[in-house]
């Protein structure tokens, strides 16, 4: 997975949508709407079969898999001109992207795949899934995979999408995209030693969980606290991983504020001087 600055990712997602508009490759189970101005009998809806074809009046079996709607329209126009009319005005619209559905998962009323057509925005996708439920967290993730197997994930703050006057965050959603709205949950971190309120501390999973936020929630340091602190974390092998941190250097901005995870233990040692 590629990692990009947030502004670059938004532009990348929008640029990808612009490039792919009208170029969606038709596949099995997609639902097509065919219209021919000169031949009303060909105004039909057809679902693409597993072998990639649709059955049309007058023309019979017509292969569409692997083509875009524009390419399918051009071929139909050519066939009709050869056999029936001097001029053909054909429209081919993908009504349901069943071959590459958009999925909305997580804290929405009706999670799952969407049968959608035409242009779709992030807000429309969430609305089509019944909207956010009461457990929805403050972050929304959009996963997009390209044909070469690469993928990008864009993180959007819920408030930016729902409350901002800018349409920047209401990005276009393409066939095959996955929209994930994680539910809020409670995580615990333990802060022991020379803090004013030692013990287990609860945080919302959306909160920024760092050493400084944990110390603040523990009421701050006592007068006996050392500048050196210890962060303990269970490794994948079950063994403790210990990291020593210079608290004064973090406060002064000389060292980064360490990010913490659920069940981490912060030990504030006593100073002997």
C-alpha atoms as a PDB file:
ATOM      1  CA  UNK A   1       0.000   0.000   0.000  1.00  0.00           C
ATOM      2  CA  UNK A   2       1.260   3.458  -0.872  1.00  0.00           C
ATOM      3  CA  UNK A   3       1.337   6.250   1.717  1.00  0.00           C
ATOM      4  CA  UNK A   4       0.845   9.864   0.632  1.00  0.00           C
ATOM      5  CA  UNK A   5       0.273  13.233   2.353  1.00  0.00           C
ATOM      6  CA  UNK A   6      -3.456  13.774   2.869  1.00  0.00           C
ATOM      7  CA  UNK A   7      -3.772  16.637   0.362  1.00  0.00           C
ATOM      8  CA  UNK A   8      -2.001  14.606  -2.315  1.00  0.00           C
ATOM      9  CA  UNK A   9      -4.272  11.619  -1.652  1.00  0.00           C
ATOM     10  CA  UNK A  10      -7.438  13.693  -2.072  1.00  0.00           C
ATOM     11  CA  UNK A  11      -6.180  15.023  -5.404  1.00  0.00           C
ATOM     12  CA  UNK A  12      -5.115  11.523  -6.428  1.00  0.00           C
ATOM     13  CA  UNK A  13      -8.521  10.031  -5.658  1.00  0.00           C
ATOM     14  CA  UNK A  14     -10.319  12.802  -7.545  1.00  0.00           C
ATOM     15  CA  UNK A  15      -7.955  12.514 -10.507  1.00  0.00           C
ATOM     16  CA  UNK A  16      -8.481   8.759 -10.633  1.00  0.00           C
ATOM     17  CA  UNK A  17     -12.233   9.265 -10.673  1.00  0.00           C
ATOM     18  CA  UNK A  18     -11.995  11.774 -13.509  1.00  0.00           C
ATOM     19  CA  UNK A  19      -9.807   9.453 -15.539  1.00  0.00           C
ATOM     20  CA  UNK A  20     -12.121   6.466 -15.069  1.00  0.00           C
ATOM     21  CA  UNK A  21     -15.462   8.206 -15.633  1.00  0.00           C
ATOM     22  CA  UNK A  22     -17.055   6.450 -18.604  1.00  0.00           C
ATOM     23  CA  UNK A  23     -14.196   3.924 -18.845  1.00  0.00           C
ATOM     24  CA  UNK A  24     -15.566   1.312 -16.434  1.00  0.00           C
ATOM     25  CA  UNK A  25     -14.970  -2.141 -17.901  1.00  0.00           C
ATOM     26  CA  UNK A  26     -18.223  -4.107 -18.136  1.00  0.00           C
ATOM     27  CA  UNK A  27     -18.235  -7.542 -16.517  1.00  0.00           C
ATOM     28  CA  UNK A  28     -20.569 -10.399 -15.677  1.00  0.00           C
ATOM     29  CA  UNK A  29     -23.671  -9.584 -13.585  1.00  0.00           C
ATOM     30  CA  UNK A  30     -23.548  -5.858 -14.463  1.00  0.00           C
ATOM     31  CA  UNK A  31     -26.964  -4.469 -15.418  1.00  0.00           C
ATOM     32  CA  UNK A  32     -27.049  -2.485 -18.673  1.00  0.00           C
ATOM     33  CA  UNK A  33     -29.695  -0.147 -19.998  1.00  0.00           C
ATOM     34  CA  UNK A  34     -29.767  -0.078 -23.818  1.00  0.00           C
ATOM     35  CA  UNK A  35     -31.655   2.595 -25.759  1.00  0.00           C
ATOM     36  CA  UNK A  36     -31.893   2.997 -29.539  1.00  0.00           C
ATOM     37  CA  UNK A  37     -33.781   6.025 -30.779  1.00  0.00           C
ATOM     38  CA  UNK A  38     -34.560   4.548 -34.199  1.00  0.00           C
ATOM     39  CA  UNK A  39     -35.579   1.038 -32.986  1.00  0.00           C
ATOM     40  CA  UNK A  40     -37.797   1.108 -29.842  1.00  0.00           C
ATOM     41  CA  UNK A  41     -37.711  -2.702 -29.613  1.00  0.00           C
ATOM     42  CA  UNK A  42     -34.077  -2.362 -28.542  1.00  0.00           C
ATOM     43  CA  UNK A  43     -34.908  -0.164 -25.548  1.00  0.00           C
ATOM     44  CA  UNK A  44     -34.228  -2.847 -22.938  1.00  0.00           C
ATOM     45  CA  UNK A  45     -32.394  -3.650 -19.727  1.00  0.00           C
ATOM     46  CA  UNK A  46     -30.127  -6.679 -19.716  1.00  0.00           C
ATOM     47  CA  UNK A  47     -27.906  -8.274 -17.098  1.00  0.00           C
ATOM     48  CA  UNK A  48     -24.572  -9.527 -18.382  1.00  0.00           C
ATOM     49  CA  UNK A  49     -24.331 -13.310 -18.250  1.00  0.00           C
ATOM     50  CA  UNK A  50     -21.450 -15.247 -16.726  1.00  0.00           C
ATOM     51  CA  UNK A  51     -19.973 -15.696 -20.210  1.00  0.00           C
ATOM     52  CA  UNK A  52     -19.980 -11.922 -20.757  1.00  0.00           C
ATOM     53  CA  UNK A  53     -22.888 -11.514 -23.172  1.00  0.00           C
ATOM     54  CA  UNK A  54     -26.363  -9.989 -23.319  1.00  0.00           C
ATOM     55  CA  UNK A  55     -29.258 -11.140 -25.481  1.00  0.00           C
ATOM     56  CA  UNK A  56     -30.807  -8.380 -27.589  1.00  0.00           C
ATOM     57  CA  UNK A  57     -33.900  -8.285 -29.835  1.00  0.00           C
ATOM     58  CA  UNK A  58     -32.954  -8.479 -33.544  1.00  0.00           C
ATOM     59  CA  UNK A  59     -29.255  -8.886 -32.793  1.00  0.00           C
ATOM     60  CA  UNK A  60     -29.281 -11.928 -30.525  1.00  0.00           C
ATOM     61  CA  UNK A  61     -26.252 -12.636 -28.343  1.00  0.00           C
ATOM     62  CA  UNK A  62     -23.920  -9.653 -28.065  1.00  0.00           C
ATOM     63  CA  UNK A  63     -20.623  -9.776 -26.174  1.00  0.00           C
ATOM     64  CA  UNK A  64     -19.986  -6.781 -23.884  1.00  0.00           C
ATOM     65  CA  UNK A  65     -17.561  -8.063 -21.216  1.00  0.00           C
ATOM     66  CA  UNK A  66     -14.216  -6.319 -21.402  1.00  0.00           C
ATOM     67  CA  UNK A  67     -15.639  -3.221 -23.081  1.00  0.00           C
ATOM     68  CA  UNK A  68     -16.526   0.164 -21.687  1.00  0.00           C
ATOM     69  CA  UNK A  69     -20.053   1.503 -22.185  1.00  0.00           C
ATOM     70  CA  UNK A  70     -18.655   3.819 -24.870  1.00  0.00           C
ATOM     71  CA  UNK A  71     -17.081   0.915 -26.739  1.00  0.00           C
ATOM     72  CA  UNK A  72     -20.252  -1.187 -26.479  1.00  0.00           C
ATOM     73  CA  UNK A  73     -22.302   1.706 -27.832  1.00  0.00           C
ATOM     74  CA  UNK A  74     -19.963   2.133 -30.813  1.00  0.00           C
ATOM     75  CA  UNK A  75     -20.154  -1.560 -31.693  1.00  0.00           C
ATOM     76  CA  UNK A  76     -23.947  -1.606 -31.424  1.00  0.00           C
ATOM     77  CA  UNK A  77     -24.221   1.460 -33.639  1.00  0.00           C
ATOM     78  CA  UNK A  78     -21.999  -0.202 -36.224  1.00  0.00           C
ATOM     79  CA  UNK A  79     -24.022  -3.454 -36.204  1.00  0.00           C
ATOM     80  CA  UNK A  80     -27.330  -1.616 -36.542  1.00  0.00           C
ATOM     81  CA  UNK A  81     -26.081   0.518 -39.422  1.00  0.00           C
ATOM     82  CA  UNK A  82     -24.863  -2.604 -41.225  1.00  0.00           C
ATOM     83  CA  UNK A  83     -28.168  -4.462 -40.824  1.00  0.00           C
ATOM     84  CA  UNK A  84     -31.142  -2.192 -40.160  1.00  0.00           C
ATOM     85  CA  UNK A  85     -30.764   1.591 -40.315  1.00  0.00           C
ATOM     86  CA  UNK A  86     -28.715   4.250 -42.032  1.00  0.00           C
ATOM     87  CA  UNK A  87     -28.158   6.039 -38.740  1.00  0.00           C
ATOM     88  CA  UNK A  88     -28.270   4.724 -35.174  1.00  0.00           C
ATOM     89  CA  UNK A  89     -28.349   6.753 -31.970  1.00  0.00           C
ATOM     90  CA  UNK A  90     -27.488   4.291 -29.222  1.00  0.00           C
ATOM     91  CA  UNK A  91     -27.133   4.788 -25.476  1.00  0.00           C
ATOM     92  CA  UNK A  92     -25.482   2.230 -23.180  1.00  0.00           C
ATOM     93  CA  UNK A  93     -25.624   2.907 -19.438  1.00  0.00           C
ATOM     94  CA  UNK A  94     -24.294   0.684 -16.668  1.00  0.00           C
ATOM     95  CA  UNK A  95     -27.178   0.739 -14.164  1.00  0.00           C
ATOM     96  CA  UNK A  96     -25.587  -1.614 -11.641  1.00  0.00           C
ATOM     97  CA  UNK A  97     -21.876  -2.212 -11.177  1.00  0.00           C
ATOM     98  CA  UNK A  98     -22.481  -5.748  -9.887  1.00  0.00           C
ATOM     99  CA  UNK A  99     -19.147  -7.006 -11.206  1.00  0.00           C
ATOM    100  CA  UNK A 100     -17.228  -4.500  -9.059  1.00  0.00           C
ATOM    101  CA  UNK A 101     -19.684  -3.296  -6.423  1.00  0.00           C
ATOM    102  CA  UNK A 102     -19.039  -0.427  -4.053  1.00  0.00           C
ATOM    103  CA  UNK A 103     -18.972  -1.698  -0.476  1.00  0.00           C
ATOM    104  CA  UNK A 104     -19.848   0.359   2.599  1.00  0.00           C
ATOM    105  CA  UNK A 105     -18.925  -1.399   5.835  1.00  0.00           C
ATOM    106  CA  UNK A 106     -18.725  -0.601   9.512  1.00  0.00           C
ATOM    107  CA  UNK A 107     -20.973   1.726  11.483  1.00  0.00           C
ATOM    108  CA  UNK A 108     -23.763   2.307   8.946  1.00  0.00           C
ATOM    109  CA  UNK A 109     -27.404   1.212   9.096  1.00  0.00           C
ATOM    110  CA  UNK A 110     -27.207  -1.195   6.140  1.00  0.00           C
ATOM    111  CA  UNK A 111     -23.594  -2.311   5.595  1.00  0.00           C
ATOM    112  CA  UNK A 112     -22.764  -4.280   2.465  1.00  0.00           C
ATOM    113  CA  UNK A 113     -22.502  -3.925  -1.306  1.00  0.00           C
ATOM    114  CA  UNK A 114     -24.344  -1.230  -3.238  1.00  0.00           C
ATOM    115  CA  UNK A 115     -25.910  -1.589  -6.659  1.00  0.00           C
ATOM    116  CA  UNK A 116     -25.158   1.830  -8.088  1.00  0.00           C
ATOM    117  CA  UNK A 117     -24.861   3.572 -11.409  1.00  0.00           C
ATOM    118  CA  UNK A 118     -23.441   6.776 -12.765  1.00  0.00           C
ATOM    119  CA  UNK A 119     -21.527   9.228 -10.624  1.00  0.00           C
ATOM    120  CA  UNK A 120     -21.484   8.564  -6.889  1.00  0.00           C
ATOM    121  CA  UNK A 121     -19.977  10.667  -4.116  1.00  0.00           C
ATOM    122  CA  UNK A 122     -18.880   9.601  -0.654  1.00  0.00           C
ATOM    123  CA  UNK A 123     -21.947  11.198   0.957  1.00  0.00           C
ATOM    124  CA  UNK A 124     -24.248   9.441  -1.530  1.00  0.00           C
ATOM    125  CA  UNK A 125     -22.587   6.085  -0.829  1.00  0.00           C
ATOM    126  CA  UNK A 126     -23.043   6.497   2.930  1.00  0.00           C
ATOM    127  CA  UNK A 127     -26.660   7.599   2.394  1.00  0.00           C
ATOM    128  CA  UNK A 128     -27.327   4.565   0.176  1.00  0.00           C
ATOM    129  CA  UNK A 129     -26.090   2.387   3.054  1.00  0.00           C
ATOM    130  CA  UNK A 130     -28.706   3.907   5.346  1.00  0.00           C
ATOM    131  CA  UNK A 131     -26.480   6.605   6.823  1.00  0.00           C
ATOM    132  CA  UNK A 132     -24.176   6.503   9.836  1.00  0.00           C
ATOM    133  CA  UNK A 133     -25.410   4.759  12.954  1.00  0.00           C
ATOM    134  CA  UNK A 134     -24.937   5.992  16.518  1.00  0.00           C
ATOM    135  CA  UNK A 135     -21.681   4.085  17.024  1.00  0.00           C
ATOM    136  CA  UNK A 136     -19.878   5.723  14.080  1.00  0.00           C
ATOM    137  CA  UNK A 137     -16.424   7.006  14.915  1.00  0.00           C
ATOM    138  CA  UNK A 138     -14.789  10.211  13.756  1.00  0.00           C
ATOM    139  CA  UNK A 139     -12.850   8.708  10.857  1.00  0.00           C
ATOM    140  CA  UNK A 140     -13.901   7.405   7.430  1.00  0.00           C
ATOM    141  CA  UNK A 141     -11.574   5.343   5.247  1.00  0.00           C
ATOM    142  CA  UNK A 142     -11.883   4.862   1.485  1.00  0.00           C
ATOM    143  CA  UNK A 143      -9.878   1.989  -0.019  1.00  0.00           C
ATOM    144  CA  UNK A 144      -9.277   2.041  -3.781  1.00  0.00           C
ATOM    145  CA  UNK A 145      -7.506  -0.697  -5.737  1.00  0.00           C
ATOM    146  CA  UNK A 146      -6.105  -0.160  -9.211  1.00  0.00           C
ATOM    147  CA  UNK A 147      -5.903  -2.774 -11.974  1.00  0.00           C
ATOM    148  CA  UNK A 148      -2.171  -3.236 -11.320  1.00  0.00           C
ATOM    149  CA  UNK A 149      -2.871  -4.454  -7.785  1.00  0.00           C
ATOM    150  CA  UNK A 150      -1.730  -1.292  -5.980  1.00  0.00           C
ATOM    151  CA  UNK A 151      -4.061   0.220  -3.427  1.00  0.00           C
ATOM    152  CA  UNK A 152      -4.486   3.571  -1.697  1.00  0.00           C
ATOM    153  CA  UNK A 153      -6.405   4.398   1.458  1.00  0.00           C
ATOM    154  CA  UNK A 154      -7.733   7.878   2.128  1.00  0.00           C
ATOM    155  CA  UNK A 155      -8.623   8.869   5.700  1.00  0.00           C
ATOM    156  CA  UNK A 156     -11.318  11.522   6.023  1.00  0.00           C
ATOM    157  CA  UNK A 157     -12.550  13.104   9.235  1.00  0.00           C
ATOM    158  CA  UNK A 158     -16.299  12.718   9.620  1.00  0.00           C
ATOM    159  CA  UNK A 159     -16.744  16.351  10.671  1.00  0.00           C
ATOM    160  CA  UNK A 160     -14.828  17.546   7.596  1.00  0.00           C
ATOM    161  CA  UNK A 161     -17.225  15.592   5.386  1.00  0.00           C
ATOM    162  CA  UNK A 162     -20.477  16.456   7.182  1.00  0.00           C
ATOM    163  CA  UNK A 163     -19.851  19.958   8.528  1.00  0.00           C
ATOM    164  CA  UNK A 164     -17.311  21.621   6.264  1.00  0.00           C
ATOM    165  CA  UNK A 165     -18.581  24.094   3.676  1.00  0.00           C
ATOM    166  CA  UNK A 166     -15.960  22.744   1.264  1.00  0.00           C
ATOM    167  CA  UNK A 167     -16.843  19.914  -1.106  1.00  0.00           C
ATOM    168  CA  UNK A 168     -13.195  18.761  -1.126  1.00  0.00           C
ATOM    169  CA  UNK A 169     -13.851  15.781   1.141  1.00  0.00           C
ATOM    170  CA  UNK A 170     -16.979  14.580  -0.661  1.00  0.00           C
ATOM    171  CA  UNK A 171     -14.819  12.645  -3.104  1.00  0.00           C
ATOM    172  CA  UNK A 172     -16.101  10.641  -6.098  1.00  0.00           C
ATOM    173  CA  UNK A 173     -16.582   6.926  -5.372  1.00  0.00           C
ATOM    174  CA  UNK A 174     -15.704   4.414  -8.094  1.00  0.00           C
ATOM    175  CA  UNK A 175     -16.804   0.842  -8.763  1.00  0.00           C
ATOM    176  CA  UNK A 176     -14.842  -1.492  -6.494  1.00  0.00           C
ATOM    177  CA  UNK A 177     -14.160   1.104  -3.779  1.00  0.00           C
ATOM    178  CA  UNK A 178     -14.583   0.089  -0.138  1.00  0.00           C
ATOM    179  CA  UNK A 179     -15.853   2.727   2.314  1.00  0.00           C
ATOM    180  CA  UNK A 180     -15.162   1.785   5.926  1.00  0.00           C
ATOM    181  CA  UNK A 181     -16.574   3.692   8.911  1.00  0.00           C
ATOM    182  CA  UNK A 182     -15.115   2.098  12.056  1.00  0.00           C
ATOM    183  CA  UNK A 183     -17.290   2.154  15.159  1.00  0.00           C
ATOM    184  CA  UNK A 184     -16.125   3.900  18.288  1.00  0.00           C
ATOM    185  CA  UNK A 185     -14.747   1.716  21.044  1.00  0.00           C
ATOM    186  CA  UNK A 186     -13.065   2.169  24.404  1.00  0.00           C
ATOM    187  CA  UNK A 187      -9.376   1.420  24.865  1.00  0.00           C
ATOM    188  CA  UNK A 188      -7.448   1.201  28.116  1.00  0.00           C
ATOM    189  CA  UNK A 189      -3.942   2.376  28.915  1.00  0.00           C
ATOM    190  CA  UNK A 190      -2.283   1.952  32.298  1.00  0.00           C
ATOM    191  CA  UNK A 191      -0.298   4.765  33.889  1.00  0.00           C
ATOM    192  CA  UNK A 192       1.642   3.820  37.018  1.00  0.00           C
ATOM    193  CA  UNK A 193       4.141   5.439  39.344  1.00  0.00           C
ATOM    194  CA  UNK A 194       4.610   9.120  39.976  1.00  0.00           C
ATOM    195  CA  UNK A 195       1.388  10.571  38.553  1.00  0.00           C
ATOM    196  CA  UNK A 196      -1.409  12.106  40.581  1.00  0.00           C
ATOM    197  CA  UNK A 197      -4.079   9.584  39.518  1.00  0.00           C
ATOM    198  CA  UNK A 198      -2.338   6.283  38.731  1.00  0.00           C
ATOM    199  CA  UNK A 199      -4.286   3.325  37.367  1.00  0.00           C
ATOM    200  CA  UNK A 200      -6.249   2.284  34.283  1.00  0.00           C
ATOM    201  CA  UNK A 201      -7.262   5.128  31.970  1.00  0.00           C
ATOM    202  CA  UNK A 202     -10.028   4.859  29.373  1.00  0.00           C
ATOM    203  CA  UNK A 203      -9.886   6.584  26.001  1.00  0.00           C
ATOM    204  CA  UNK A 204     -12.187   6.723  23.014  1.00  0.00           C
ATOM    205  CA  UNK A 205     -10.685   4.798  20.081  1.00  0.00           C
ATOM    206  CA  UNK A 206     -10.873   8.022  18.045  1.00  0.00           C
ATOM    207  CA  UNK A 207      -8.799   9.963  20.578  1.00  0.00           C
ATOM    208  CA  UNK A 208      -5.183  10.807  19.842  1.00  0.00           C
ATOM    209  CA  UNK A 209      -3.402   8.413  22.163  1.00  0.00           C
ATOM    210  CA  UNK A 210       0.102   9.578  23.071  1.00  0.00           C
ATOM    211  CA  UNK A 211       2.355   9.766  26.100  1.00  0.00           C
ATOM    212  CA  UNK A 212       1.420  13.402  26.783  1.00  0.00           C
ATOM    213  CA  UNK A 213      -2.336  12.750  26.561  1.00  0.00           C
ATOM    214  CA  UNK A 214      -1.989   9.823  28.990  1.00  0.00           C
ATOM    215  CA  UNK A 215       0.018  11.872  31.500  1.00  0.00           C
ATOM    216  CA  UNK A 216      -2.550  14.674  31.249  1.00  0.00           C
ATOM    217  CA  UNK A 217      -5.450  12.298  31.889  1.00  0.00           C
ATOM    218  CA  UNK A 218      -3.590  10.842  34.872  1.00  0.00           C
ATOM    219  CA  UNK A 219      -3.640  14.319  36.465  1.00  0.00           C
ATOM    220  CA  UNK A 220      -0.042  15.223  35.645  1.00  0.00           C
ATOM    221  CA  UNK A 221       3.186  14.337  37.405  1.00  0.00           C
ATOM    222  CA  UNK A 222       3.945  14.398  41.103  1.00  0.00           C
ATOM    223  CA  UNK A 223       6.844  16.452  42.489  1.00  0.00           C
ATOM    224  CA  UNK A 224       8.900  13.264  42.756  1.00  0.00           C
ATOM    225  CA  UNK A 225       8.573  12.243  39.104  1.00  0.00           C
ATOM    226  CA  UNK A 226      11.711  11.531  37.112  1.00  0.00           C
ATOM    227  CA  UNK A 227      12.235  12.897  33.607  1.00  0.00           C
ATOM    228  CA  UNK A 228      12.721   9.320  32.402  1.00  0.00           C
ATOM    229  CA  UNK A 229       9.657   7.170  31.736  1.00  0.00           C
ATOM    230  CA  UNK A 230       9.107   3.615  30.613  1.00  0.00           C
ATOM    231  CA  UNK A 231       6.548   2.405  28.048  1.00  0.00           C
ATOM    232  CA  UNK A 232       5.786  -1.317  28.183  1.00  0.00           C
ATOM    233  CA  UNK A 233       3.987  -3.115  25.343  1.00  0.00           C
ATOM    234  CA  UNK A 234       3.228  -6.765  24.610  1.00  0.00           C
ATOM    235  CA  UNK A 235       4.982  -7.923  21.463  1.00  0.00           C
ATOM    236  CA  UNK A 236       3.507 -10.398  18.960  1.00  0.00           C
ATOM    237  CA  UNK A 237       5.447 -13.160  20.749  1.00  0.00           C
ATOM    238  CA  UNK A 238       3.829 -12.271  24.079  1.00  0.00           C
ATOM    239  CA  UNK A 239       7.005 -10.804  25.538  1.00  0.00           C
ATOM    240  CA  UNK A 240       7.213  -7.273  26.950  1.00  0.00           C
ATOM    241  CA  UNK A 241       8.856  -4.600  24.819  1.00  0.00           C
ATOM    242  CA  UNK A 242      10.202  -1.705  26.883  1.00  0.00           C
ATOM    243  CA  UNK A 243      10.964   1.771  25.552  1.00  0.00           C
ATOM    244  CA  UNK A 244      12.606   4.484  27.623  1.00  0.00           C
ATOM    245  CA  UNK A 245      11.430   8.048  26.952  1.00  0.00           C
ATOM    246  CA  UNK A 246      12.837  11.378  28.131  1.00  0.00           C
ATOM    247  CA  UNK A 247       9.684  13.255  29.179  1.00  0.00           C
ATOM    248  CA  UNK A 248      11.405  16.658  29.386  1.00  0.00           C
ATOM    249  CA  UNK A 249      12.716  16.267  25.837  1.00  0.00           C
ATOM    250  CA  UNK A 250       9.209  15.450  24.616  1.00  0.00           C
ATOM    251  CA  UNK A 251       7.738  18.472  26.412  1.00  0.00           C
ATOM    252  CA  UNK A 252      10.452  20.689  24.902  1.00  0.00           C
ATOM    253  CA  UNK A 253       9.685  19.390  21.412  1.00  0.00           C
ATOM    254  CA  UNK A 254      13.163  17.889  21.059  1.00  0.00           C
ATOM    255  CA  UNK A 255      11.728  14.370  20.783  1.00  0.00           C
ATOM    256  CA  UNK A 256       8.399  13.248  19.256  1.00  0.00           C
ATOM    257  CA  UNK A 257       5.431  12.513  21.498  1.00  0.00           C
ATOM    258  CA  UNK A 258       5.290   8.688  21.378  1.00  0.00           C
ATOM    259  CA  UNK A 259       2.046   7.155  20.071  1.00  0.00           C
ATOM    260  CA  UNK A 260       0.536   4.571  22.400  1.00  0.00           C
ATOM    261  CA  UNK A 261      -1.679   1.542  21.832  1.00  0.00           C
ATOM    262  CA  UNK A 262      -4.400  -0.165  23.837  1.00  0.00           C
ATOM    263  CA  UNK A 263      -3.095  -1.983  26.918  1.00  0.00           C
ATOM    264  CA  UNK A 264       0.244  -0.156  26.918  1.00  0.00           C
ATOM    265  CA  UNK A 265       1.691   0.519  30.366  1.00  0.00           C
ATOM    266  CA  UNK A 266       3.379   3.853  31.133  1.00  0.00           C
ATOM    267  CA  UNK A 267       5.621   3.773  34.199  1.00  0.00           C
ATOM    268  CA  UNK A 268       6.663   7.147  35.617  1.00  0.00           C
ATOM    269  CA  UNK A 269       9.689   6.528  37.741  1.00  0.00           C
ATOM    270  CA  UNK A 270      10.668   8.364  40.921  1.00  0.00           C
ATOM    271  CA  UNK A 271      13.527  10.807  40.838  1.00  0.00           C
ATOM    272  CA  UNK A 272      16.207  10.327  43.465  1.00  0.00           C
ATOM    273  CA  UNK A 273      17.598  13.846  43.150  1.00  0.00           C
END
